[in-house]
Amino acid sequence: MNINKLTSFASLTTGEGQRLAYTYSVVNDETGEIVSNNNKGSFVVMDADLQSHIDAIKTYINDNKL
């Protein structure tokens, strides 16, 4: 059986709204062998709860890291 492992993600502001882009690898959970890597996907954030989490991360970075 294979499992998907998230390897990175980014939040982008686009004309459609907030977009989350992500990259993942597919790993065989019995052998640990990488079946495929650098798989990509993205979606526009439509869920208000998810958007609030993204906003919280942005606030944290702006208040504590910049």
C-alpha atoms as a PDB file:
ATOM      1  CA  MET A   1       0.000   0.000   0.000  1.00  0.00           C
ATOM      2  CA  ASN A   2       1.193   3.541  -0.711  1.00  0.00           C
ATOM      3  CA  ILE A   3       0.880   6.692   1.347  1.00  0.00           C
ATOM      4  CA  ASN A   4       1.124  10.327   0.291  1.00  0.00           C
ATOM      5  CA  LYS A   5       3.626  12.463   2.224  1.00  0.00           C
ATOM      6  CA  LEU A   6       3.331  16.243   2.018  1.00  0.00           C
ATOM      7  CA  THR A   7       6.772  17.724   1.268  1.00  0.00           C
ATOM      8  CA  SER A   8       5.973  21.440   0.902  1.00  0.00           C
ATOM      9  CA  PHE A   9       3.206  23.983   0.548  1.00  0.00           C
ATOM     10  CA  ALA A  10       2.832  27.688  -0.169  1.00  0.00           C
ATOM     11  CA  SER A  11       0.072  30.229   0.240  1.00  0.00           C
ATOM     12  CA  LEU A  12      -0.424  32.595  -2.701  1.00  0.00           C
ATOM     13  CA  THR A  13      -2.771  35.512  -3.271  1.00  0.00           C
ATOM     14  CA  THR A  14      -4.136  35.325  -6.814  1.00  0.00           C
ATOM     15  CA  GLY A  15      -6.941  36.897  -8.810  1.00  0.00           C
ATOM     16  CA  GLU A  16      -9.188  33.974  -7.838  1.00  0.00           C
ATOM     17  CA  GLY A  17      -8.439  34.420  -4.132  1.00  0.00           C
ATOM     18  CA  GLN A  18      -6.149  32.654  -1.681  1.00  0.00           C
ATOM     19  CA  ARG A  19      -4.510  29.634  -3.325  1.00  0.00           C
ATOM     20  CA  LEU A  20      -2.644  26.830  -1.603  1.00  0.00           C
ATOM     21  CA  ALA A  21      -0.062  25.043  -3.722  1.00  0.00           C
ATOM     22  CA  TYR A  22       1.505  21.828  -2.471  1.00  0.00           C
ATOM     23  CA  THR A  23       4.042  19.159  -3.380  1.00  0.00           C
ATOM     24  CA  TYR A  24       4.028  15.565  -2.177  1.00  0.00           C
ATOM     25  CA  SER A  25       5.750  12.211  -2.557  1.00  0.00           C
ATOM     26  CA  VAL A  26       4.138   8.784  -2.777  1.00  0.00           C
ATOM     27  CA  VAL A  27       5.906   6.255  -0.528  1.00  0.00           C
ATOM     28  CA  ASN A  28       5.420   2.500  -0.188  1.00  0.00           C
ATOM     29  CA  ASP A  29       4.526   2.113   3.504  1.00  0.00           C
ATOM     30  CA  GLU A  30       5.969  -1.415   3.714  1.00  0.00           C
ATOM     31  CA  THR A  31       9.373  -0.898   2.077  1.00  0.00           C
ATOM     32  CA  GLY A  32       9.852   2.873   2.426  1.00  0.00           C
ATOM     33  CA  GLU A  33      10.575   3.060  -1.300  1.00  0.00           C
ATOM     34  CA  ILE A  34       9.631   6.314  -3.002  1.00  0.00           C
ATOM     35  CA  VAL A  35       7.117   5.422  -5.704  1.00  0.00           C
ATOM     36  CA  SER A  36       6.936   8.970  -7.113  1.00  0.00           C
ATOM     37  CA  ASN A  37       8.021  12.396  -5.976  1.00  0.00           C
ATOM     38  CA  ASN A  38       7.579  16.037  -6.859  1.00  0.00           C
ATOM     39  CA  ASN A  39       3.830  15.565  -7.428  1.00  0.00           C
ATOM     40  CA  LYS A  40       2.039  18.911  -7.389  1.00  0.00           C
ATOM     41  CA  GLY A  41      -1.437  20.251  -6.794  1.00  0.00           C
ATOM     42  CA  SER A  42      -3.223  23.441  -5.823  1.00  0.00           C
ATOM     43  CA  PHE A  43      -6.654  24.741  -4.905  1.00  0.00           C
ATOM     44  CA  VAL A  44      -8.440  27.989  -4.107  1.00  0.00           C
ATOM     45  CA  VAL A  45      -9.343  28.287  -0.428  1.00  0.00           C
ATOM     46  CA  MET A  46     -13.131  28.349  -0.071  1.00  0.00           C
ATOM     47  CA  ASP A  47     -13.399  27.291   3.577  1.00  0.00           C
ATOM     48  CA  ALA A  48     -13.543  30.153   6.124  1.00  0.00           C
ATOM     49  CA  ASP A  49     -11.967  28.021   8.874  1.00  0.00           C
ATOM     50  CA  LEU A  50      -8.996  27.157   6.679  1.00  0.00           C
ATOM     51  CA  GLN A  51      -8.640  30.821   5.683  1.00  0.00           C
ATOM     52  CA  SER A  52      -8.522  31.820   9.372  1.00  0.00           C
ATOM     53  CA  HIS A  53      -5.601  29.419   9.930  1.00  0.00           C
ATOM     54  CA  ILE A  54      -3.718  30.875   6.956  1.00  0.00           C
ATOM     55  CA  ASP A  55      -4.373  34.389   8.312  1.00  0.00           C
ATOM     56  CA  ALA A  56      -3.026  33.348  11.730  1.00  0.00           C
ATOM     57  CA  ILE A  57       0.207  32.053  10.164  1.00  0.00           C
ATOM     58  CA  LYS A  58       0.633  35.298   8.197  1.00  0.00           C
ATOM     59  CA  THR A  59       0.037  37.363  11.359  1.00  0.00           C
ATOM     60  CA  TYR A  60       2.572  35.299  13.296  1.00  0.00           C
ATOM     61  CA  ILE A  61       5.230  35.777  10.611  1.00  0.00           C
ATOM     62  CA  ASN A  62       4.556  39.515  10.297  1.00  0.00           C
ATOM     63  CA  ASP A  63       4.572  40.069  14.076  1.00  0.00           C
ATOM     64  CA  ASN A  64       7.478  37.819  15.022  1.00  0.00           C
ATOM     65  CA  LYS A  65       9.776  37.252  12.056  1.00  0.00           C
ATOM     66  CA  LEU A  66       9.819  40.489  10.038  1.00  0.00           C
END
